[in-house]
Amino acid sequence: MMQKIIQVKDIKTIFDDKVVHDGLNLSINKGEIYGLLGPSGCGKTTLLREMVMLQKFQHGDIDILGHSLSNINQDDAQILRKDWGVLFQAGALFSSLSIAENISLPLIEYTNLSKKMIAEIVAFKINIVGLNINDAHLYPSQISGGMKKKAGLARALAMDPKLLFLDEPTSGLDPISARDFDSLILELRSLLGLSIVMVSHDLQSIYDTLDRVAIIDNKKIAYEGTLDKISESDSPFIKTFFGKYNE
């Protein structure tokens, strides 16, 4: 039986008087790459932000690694944050810091490791995401979009997390760089034993990387499961979005 690493239970999200989620339920298994999909404005990134405690939901609960987010205390929340890494859509690198300094930030903030040990970990993380150690001194303004994504990914992996959250990881990349990033995600999942939650609208990436998906549409989960069964759904969005793959 698969171990559930995240369970979303009857989540309701409201912005002012706008209901974004109206009773979402889904579960994510340990070791899988799970996609949050749906039309623009459906609340994909909102749900991801709720999972990483950057945003509050109004009803329901999210259980992550055995912790209930609806009533988590500050100390447990801080411990839990060390167990995941987040890659935001634009990388979210600090522009005044070099690549190496960006990656070292979580290690400086959360550990008592020596400067030498931190430098060794940073060099390792730079290497496993496919960056060149000679680029470590460069600043975000001096590197390409693809390198920014990889640097952001290296920072997300700095603390050896169990969970990795990716928000539109291939957005803004050319097709070759996007497929290269997809391959990197698959390699890292195998190498590091990661469980990965990914928001995406990149169809090629969706089919190349995801084990299971949840489609959010009309404030609900329109479909949850594997992609090979998705053609059985009656959702108009699913039929339109996945149409060319299911003909």
Foldseek 3Di string as FASTA:
>chain_A
DFAWQKWFFQFWADDPHRTLAGTETDTFTFLFEEEEEEDPSNCSVVVVCVVLPVDPTDDTWMAGRNDTPVDDDPVVSVVVNLQFFEQEAQLPFDQVAFLLVRLLVVVVVPHPDDPVVSSVLSQVLCVLLPHDPVRRRHGPVPDDSLVSLSSSVSSRCSSLHQEYEYEASCPPPDPVSSVVNLVSVVVCCVVSVHRYYYYHLPVVSCVSGGQWYFYRDPNYGQDTGGPVCQVVGPDPRSCVSCVVVVD
